[in-house]
C-alpha atoms as a PDB file:
ATOM      1  CA  MET A   1     177.661 103.992  78.103  1.00  0.00           C
ATOM      2  CA  THR A   2     180.686 102.703  76.406  1.00  0.00           C
ATOM      3  CA  ASN A   3     180.439 101.822  72.818  1.00  0.00           C
ATOM      4  CA  PRO A   4     180.744  98.034  71.999  1.00  0.00           C
ATOM      5  CA  SER A   5     184.315  96.992  71.130  1.00  0.00           C
ATOM      6  CA  ILE A   6     184.637  94.289  68.486  1.00  0.00           C
ATOM      7  CA  THR A   7     187.584  92.492  66.815  1.00  0.00           C
ATOM      8  CA  LEU A   8     187.135  92.031  63.071  1.00  0.00           C
ATOM      9  CA  ALA A   9     189.363  89.655  61.216  1.00  0.00           C
ATOM     10  CA  ILE A  10     189.214  89.553  57.313  1.00  0.00           C
ATOM     11  CA  THR A  11     190.889  86.499  55.730  1.00  0.00           C
ATOM     12  CA  GLY A  12     191.462  85.014  52.343  1.00  0.00           C
ATOM     13  CA  ALA A  13     188.111  83.398  51.600  1.00  0.00           C
ATOM     14  CA  SER A  14     185.957  84.764  48.808  1.00  0.00           C
ATOM     15  CA  GLY A  15     183.362  87.219  50.256  1.00  0.00           C
ATOM     16  CA  ALA A  16     185.012  90.637  50.442  1.00  0.00           C
ATOM     17  CA  PRO A  17     181.573  92.514  50.032  1.00  0.00           C
ATOM     18  CA  TYR A  18     180.527  90.898  53.300  1.00  0.00           C
ATOM     19  CA  ALA A  19     183.526  92.059  55.250  1.00  0.00           C
ATOM     20  CA  LEU A  20     183.432  95.644  53.946  1.00  0.00           C
ATOM     21  CA  ARG A  21     179.724  95.973  54.577  1.00  0.00           C
ATOM     22  CA  LEU A  22     180.057  94.585  58.091  1.00  0.00           C
ATOM     23  CA  LEU A  23     183.048  96.953  58.829  1.00  0.00           C
ATOM     24  CA  GLU A  24     180.880 100.009  57.489  1.00  0.00           C
ATOM     25  CA  SER A  25     178.004  98.824  59.691  1.00  0.00           C
ATOM     26  CA  LEU A  26     180.135  98.621  62.817  1.00  0.00           C
ATOM     27  CA  LEU A  27     181.748 101.907  62.370  1.00  0.00           C
ATOM     28  CA  THR A  28     178.279 103.468  61.364  1.00  0.00           C
ATOM     29  CA  THR A  29     176.802 102.246  64.809  1.00  0.00           C
ATOM     30  CA  HIS A  30     179.745 103.863  66.665  1.00  0.00           C
ATOM     31  CA  CYS A  31     181.377 100.386  67.666  1.00  0.00           C
ATOM     32  CA  THR A  32     185.169 100.408  68.292  1.00  0.00           C
ATOM     33  CA  VAL A  33     186.718  98.039  65.777  1.00  0.00           C
ATOM     34  CA  HIS A  34     189.906  96.359  66.108  1.00  0.00           C
ATOM     35  CA  LEU A  35     190.677  95.285  62.523  1.00  0.00           C
ATOM     36  CA  LEU A  36     192.906  92.440  61.376  1.00  0.00           C
ATOM     37  CA  ILE A  37     193.574  91.801  57.668  1.00  0.00           C
ATOM     38  CA  SER A  38     195.436  88.960  56.276  1.00  0.00           C
ATOM     39  CA  SER A  39     197.784  89.107  53.246  1.00  0.00           C
ATOM     40  CA  ALA A  40     195.380  86.720  51.366  1.00  0.00           C
ATOM     41  CA  ALA A  41     192.491  89.032  52.203  1.00  0.00           C
ATOM     42  CA  LYS A  42     194.144  91.845  50.704  1.00  0.00           C
ATOM     43  CA  VAL A  43     194.420  89.872  47.308  1.00  0.00           C
ATOM     44  CA  VAL A  44     190.666  89.063  47.587  1.00  0.00           C
ATOM     45  CA  LEU A  45     189.777  92.532  48.266  1.00  0.00           C
ATOM     46  CA  ALA A  46     191.774  93.620  45.215  1.00  0.00           C
ATOM     47  CA  THR A  47     190.105  90.891  43.042  1.00  0.00           C
ATOM     48  CA  GLU A  48     186.534  91.132  44.159  1.00  0.00           C
ATOM     49  CA  GLU A  49     186.274  94.795  45.058  1.00  0.00           C
ATOM     50  CA  GLU A  50     189.154  96.407  42.976  1.00  0.00           C
ATOM     51  CA  LEU A  51     190.319  97.738  46.342  1.00  0.00           C
ATOM     52  CA  GLN A  52     193.961  98.267  46.738  1.00  0.00           C
ATOM     53  CA  LEU A  53     194.809  98.659  50.419  1.00  0.00           C
ATOM     54  CA  PRO A  54     198.013 100.345  51.508  1.00  0.00           C
ATOM     55  CA  SER A  55     200.649  98.135  53.064  1.00  0.00           C
ATOM     56  CA  ARG A  56     201.026  99.699  56.576  1.00  0.00           C
ATOM     57  CA  PRO A  57     198.346  99.432  59.316  1.00  0.00           C
ATOM     58  CA  ALA A  58     198.356 103.154  59.863  1.00  0.00           C
ATOM     59  CA  GLN A  59     197.801 103.717  56.189  1.00  0.00           C
ATOM     60  CA  ILE A  60     194.962 101.214  56.180  1.00  0.00           C
ATOM     61  CA  LYS A  61     193.314 102.898  59.093  1.00  0.00           C
ATOM     62  CA  SER A  62     193.441 106.345  57.508  1.00  0.00           C
ATOM     63  CA  PHE A  63     192.029 104.741  54.275  1.00  0.00           C
ATOM     64  CA  PHE A  64     189.034 103.284  56.026  1.00  0.00           C
ATOM     65  CA  VAL A  65     188.509 106.346  58.338  1.00  0.00           C
ATOM     66  CA  GLU A  66     188.057 108.406  55.166  1.00  0.00           C
ATOM     67  CA  LYS A  67     186.091 105.887  53.208  1.00  0.00           C
ATOM     68  CA  PHE A  68     183.446 105.514  55.922  1.00  0.00           C
ATOM     69  CA  SER A  69     183.693 108.912  57.544  1.00  0.00           C
ATOM     70  CA  CYS A  70     184.229 107.650  61.028  1.00  0.00           C
ATOM     71  CA  ASN A  71     185.962 108.993  64.008  1.00  0.00           C
ATOM     72  CA  GLU A  72     189.549 107.796  63.991  1.00  0.00           C
ATOM     73  CA  ASP A  73     189.369 106.694  67.535  1.00  0.00           C
ATOM     74  CA  GLN A  74     186.871 104.102  66.474  1.00  0.00           C
ATOM     75  CA  LEU A  75     189.210 102.182  64.275  1.00  0.00           C
ATOM     76  CA  HIS A  76     192.447 100.351  65.224  1.00  0.00           C
ATOM     77  CA  VAL A  77     194.395  98.383  62.715  1.00  0.00           C
ATOM     78  CA  TYR A  78     197.092  95.797  63.444  1.00  0.00           C
ATOM     79  CA  GLY A  79     199.779  94.029  61.556  1.00  0.00           C
ATOM     80  CA  LYS A  80     199.903  90.263  61.640  1.00  0.00           C
ATOM     81  CA  GLU A  81     202.698  90.089  64.144  1.00  0.00           C
ATOM     82  CA  GLU A  82     201.848  92.858  66.506  1.00  0.00           C
ATOM     83  CA  TRP A  83     201.926  90.679  69.488  1.00  0.00           C
ATOM     84  CA  PHE A  84     201.677  93.637  71.954  1.00  0.00           C
ATOM     85  CA  SER A  85     198.347  94.713  70.559  1.00  0.00           C
ATOM     86  CA  PRO A  86     195.199  94.625  72.800  1.00  0.00           C
ATOM     87  CA  VAL A  87     193.729  91.628  70.947  1.00  0.00           C
ATOM     88  CA  ALA A  88     196.617  89.342  71.727  1.00  0.00           C
ATOM     89  CA  SER A  89     195.949  89.284  75.424  1.00  0.00           C
ATOM     90  CA  GLY A  90     193.012  88.118  77.477  1.00  0.00           C
ATOM     91  CA  SER A  91     193.497  90.924  79.744  1.00  0.00           C
ATOM     92  CA  ALA A  92     192.642  93.476  76.979  1.00  0.00           C
ATOM     93  CA  ALA A  93     191.013  91.893  74.066  1.00  0.00           C
ATOM     94  CA  PRO A  94     187.422  92.602  73.186  1.00  0.00           C
ATOM     95  CA  LYS A  95     185.030  89.793  74.251  1.00  0.00           C
ATOM     96  CA  THR A  96     183.609  89.616  70.804  1.00  0.00           C
ATOM     97  CA  MET A  97     185.310  88.541  67.725  1.00  0.00           C
ATOM     98  CA  VAL A  98     184.199  88.000  64.032  1.00  0.00           C
ATOM     99  CA  VAL A  99     186.084  86.408  61.334  1.00  0.00           C
ATOM    100  CA  CYS A 100     184.381  87.446  58.083  1.00  0.00           C
ATOM    101  CA  PRO A 101     184.927  85.986  55.712  1.00  0.00           C
ATOM    102  CA  CYS A 102     186.815  82.912  57.318  1.00  0.00           C
ATOM    103  CA  SER A 103     189.069  80.820  55.013  1.00  0.00           C
ATOM    104  CA  THR A 104     189.099  77.201  55.663  1.00  0.00           C
ATOM    105  CA  GLY A 105     192.944  77.539  56.434  1.00  0.00           C
ATOM    106  CA  THR A 106     192.019  80.098  59.170  1.00  0.00           C
ATOM    107  CA  LEU A 107     189.336  77.733  60.409  1.00  0.00           C
ATOM    108  CA  SER A 108     191.815  74.931  60.629  1.00  0.00           C
ATOM    109  CA  SER A 109     194.339  77.070  62.437  1.00  0.00           C
ATOM    110  CA  ILE A 110     191.813  78.286  65.019  1.00  0.00           C
ATOM    111  CA  ALA A 111     190.586  74.795  65.690  1.00  0.00           C
ATOM    112  CA  THR A 112     194.079  73.525  66.413  1.00  0.00           C
ATOM    113  CA  GLY A 113     195.185  76.496  68.359  1.00  0.00           C
ATOM    114  CA  ALA A 114     198.102  77.236  66.151  1.00  0.00           C
ATOM    115  CA  SER A 115     198.293  80.990  66.977  1.00  0.00           C
ATOM    116  CA  ASP A 116     200.890  81.604  64.305  1.00  0.00           C
ATOM    117  CA  ASN A 117     199.715  85.024  63.491  1.00  0.00           C
ATOM    118  CA  LEU A 118     197.608  87.758  65.259  1.00  0.00           C
ATOM    119  CA  ILE A 119     194.292  86.588  63.786  1.00  0.00           C
ATOM    120  CA  GLU A 120     194.801  83.090  65.066  1.00  0.00           C
ATOM    121  CA  ARG A 121     196.035  84.373  68.486  1.00  0.00           C
ATOM    122  CA  ALA A 122     193.132  86.802  68.805  1.00  0.00           C
ATOM    123  CA  ALA A 123     190.647  84.022  68.055  1.00  0.00           C
ATOM    124  CA  ASP A 124     192.357  81.774  70.632  1.00  0.00           C
ATOM    125  CA  VAL A 125     192.056  84.542  73.221  1.00  0.00           C
ATOM    126  CA  VAL A 126     188.440  84.919  72.703  1.00  0.00           C
ATOM    127  CA  LEU A 127     187.890  81.149  73.008  1.00  0.00           C
ATOM    128  CA  LYS A 128     190.059  80.764  76.157  1.00  0.00           C
ATOM    129  CA  GLU A 129     188.242  83.754  77.770  1.00  0.00           C
ATOM    130  CA  ARG A 130     184.935  82.307  76.995  1.00  0.00           C
ATOM    131  CA  GLY A 131     184.001  85.321  74.742  1.00  0.00           C
ATOM    132  CA  GLN A 132     181.889  85.253  71.640  1.00  0.00           C
ATOM    133  CA  LEU A 133     183.760  84.122  68.478  1.00  0.00           C
ATOM    134  CA  ILE A 134     181.708  84.006  65.117  1.00  0.00           C
ATOM    135  CA  LEU A 135     183.262  82.468  62.016  1.00  0.00           C
ATOM    136  CA  VAL A 136     181.771  83.164  58.625  1.00  0.00           C
ATOM    137  CA  PRO A 137     183.233  80.485  56.359  1.00  0.00           C
ATOM    138  CA  ARG A 138     182.498  80.903  52.509  1.00  0.00           C
ATOM    139  CA  GLU A 139     183.534  77.563  50.841  1.00  0.00           C
ATOM    140  CA  MET A 140     181.772  74.972  48.651  1.00  0.00           C
ATOM    141  CA  PRO A 141     181.761  72.021  48.782  1.00  0.00           C
ATOM    142  CA  LEU A 142     182.773  71.409  52.419  1.00  0.00           C
ATOM    143  CA  SER A 143     185.231  68.431  52.916  1.00  0.00           C
ATOM    144  CA  SER A 144     185.173  66.167  55.906  1.00  0.00           C
ATOM    145  CA  ILE A 145     188.068  68.130  57.300  1.00  0.00           C
ATOM    146  CA  HIS A 146     186.185  71.422  57.144  1.00  0.00           C
ATOM    147  CA  LEU A 147     183.134  69.895  58.727  1.00  0.00           C
ATOM    148  CA  GLU A 148     185.136  68.271  61.575  1.00  0.00           C
ATOM    149  CA  ASN A 149     186.885  71.694  62.340  1.00  0.00           C
ATOM    150  CA  MET A 150     183.600  73.490  62.297  1.00  0.00           C
ATOM    151  CA  LEU A 151     182.106  70.853  64.707  1.00  0.00           C
ATOM    152  CA  LYS A 152     185.216  71.094  66.999  1.00  0.00           C
ATOM    153  CA  LEU A 153     184.878  74.904  67.152  1.00  0.00           C
ATOM    154  CA  SER A 154     181.229  74.811  67.694  1.00  0.00           C
ATOM    155  CA  GLN A 155     181.719  72.402  70.615  1.00  0.00           C
ATOM    156  CA  LEU A 156     184.258  74.936  71.951  1.00  0.00           C
ATOM    157  CA  GLY A 157     181.645  77.623  71.857  1.00  0.00           C
ATOM    158  CA  ALA A 158     182.275  79.394  68.516  1.00  0.00           C
ATOM    159  CA  THR A 159     179.414  80.224  66.376  1.00  0.00           C
ATOM    160  CA  ILE A 160     179.588  79.066  62.753  1.00  0.00           C
ATOM    161  CA  MET A 161     177.641  81.297  60.455  1.00  0.00           C
ATOM    162  CA  PRO A 162     178.177  80.307  56.861  1.00  0.00           C
ATOM    163  CA  ALA A 163     177.848  83.117  54.248  1.00  0.00           C
ATOM    164  CA  ALA A 164     174.497  81.695  53.046  1.00  0.00           C
ATOM    165  CA  PRO A 165     171.976  84.316  52.465  1.00  0.00           C
ATOM    166  CA  GLY A 166     168.266  83.557  52.548  1.00  0.00           C
ATOM    167  CA  PHE A 167     165.814  84.538  49.877  1.00  0.00           C
ATOM    168  CA  TYR A 168     162.534  84.846  51.759  1.00  0.00           C
ATOM    169  CA  HIS A 169     162.923  88.726  51.772  1.00  0.00           C
ATOM    170  CA  GLN A 170     162.987  88.683  47.919  1.00  0.00           C
ATOM    171  CA  PRO A 171     166.280  90.267  47.291  1.00  0.00           C
ATOM    172  CA  GLN A 172     166.560  92.663  44.263  1.00  0.00           C
ATOM    173  CA  SER A 173     170.257  92.874  44.203  1.00  0.00           C
ATOM    174  CA  ILE A 174     173.581  91.358  45.305  1.00  0.00           C
ATOM    175  CA  ASN A 175     173.713  94.144  47.949  1.00  0.00           C
ATOM    176  CA  ASP A 176     170.412  92.746  49.430  1.00  0.00           C
ATOM    177  CA  LEU A 177     172.126  89.199  49.632  1.00  0.00           C
ATOM    178  CA  VAL A 178     175.158  90.765  51.429  1.00  0.00           C
ATOM    179  CA  ASP A 179     173.044  92.793  53.749  1.00  0.00           C
ATOM    180  CA  PHE A 180     171.139  89.582  54.737  1.00  0.00           C
ATOM    181  CA  VAL A 181     174.312  87.909  56.081  1.00  0.00           C
ATOM    182  CA  VAL A 182     175.690  91.057  57.661  1.00  0.00           C
ATOM    183  CA  ALA A 183     172.359  91.772  59.376  1.00  0.00           C
ATOM    184  CA  ARG A 184     172.384  88.141  60.959  1.00  0.00           C
ATOM    185  CA  ILE A 185     175.902  88.724  62.213  1.00  0.00           C
ATOM    186  CA  LEU A 186     174.969  92.142  63.772  1.00  0.00           C
ATOM    187  CA  ASP A 187     171.920  90.506  65.398  1.00  0.00           C
ATOM    188  CA  HIS A 188     174.146  87.789  66.924  1.00  0.00           C
ATOM    189  CA  ILE A 189     176.491  90.279  68.376  1.00  0.00           C
ATOM    190  CA  GLY A 190     173.758  92.456  69.776  1.00  0.00           C
ATOM    191  CA  ILE A 191     174.309  95.490  67.500  1.00  0.00           C
ATOM    192  CA  ASP A 192     171.179  97.276  66.416  1.00  0.00           C
ATOM    193  CA  GLN A 193     170.619  97.151  62.767  1.00  0.00           C
ATOM    194  CA  THR A 194     168.108  98.299  60.031  1.00  0.00           C
ATOM    195  CA  LEU A 195     169.749  96.287  57.130  1.00  0.00           C
ATOM    196  CA  MET A 196     167.126  93.609  57.312  1.00  0.00           C
ATOM    197  CA  PRO A 197     163.920  93.144  59.238  1.00  0.00           C
ATOM    198  CA  ARG A 198     163.807  89.909  61.448  1.00  0.00           C
ATOM    199  CA  TRP A 199     161.369  87.243  60.431  1.00  0.00           C
ATOM    200  CA  GLY A 200     157.722  88.115  61.059  1.00  0.00           C
ATOM    201  CA  TYR A 201     158.398  91.939  61.276  1.00  0.00           C
ATOM    202  CA  GLN A 202     157.655  94.593  58.527  1.00  0.00           C
ATOM    203  CA  ARG A 203     160.184  97.479  57.894  1.00  0.00           C
END
């Protein structure tokens, strides 16, 4: 059986821990990950996680392969204008894409079909191919513009999953809150996870 193939885009909203934990979880469960990282996301990763990523996609791939001890064939990293990458075409792109965290600027661009960079194009491909697009915005408060864009994308078939962890599992650390959100994302894309038990079930 072929391992699931997922496109993961990391953009410039606050929430770098969510992105890194999700990437780790996908690689640990032997998914093939097509990774897209915006310039703003690199700034956020450096600010929130003190993580200085290399500049070139191949170097970023090597960095994460070593960091998460995964098979190098599992991870593919693309630059923002690699238009010949698989994620840019409906004939080759994974049917599932997660944008985590999703900035409101990226949200707007996806909602309008701008496709000005590979993240926007990849999301546009998933929508047009009737795939599964999950957007994880992390912003507060939300303006009417943000809400209108979320409604439009929801009506187009995207799933809007704000980074809003619950507390009924009695979290003891920030990592517990991060795992709550990542577990919900994994549940939605059909990846088995042990980060967080579902409601009504014990560990």
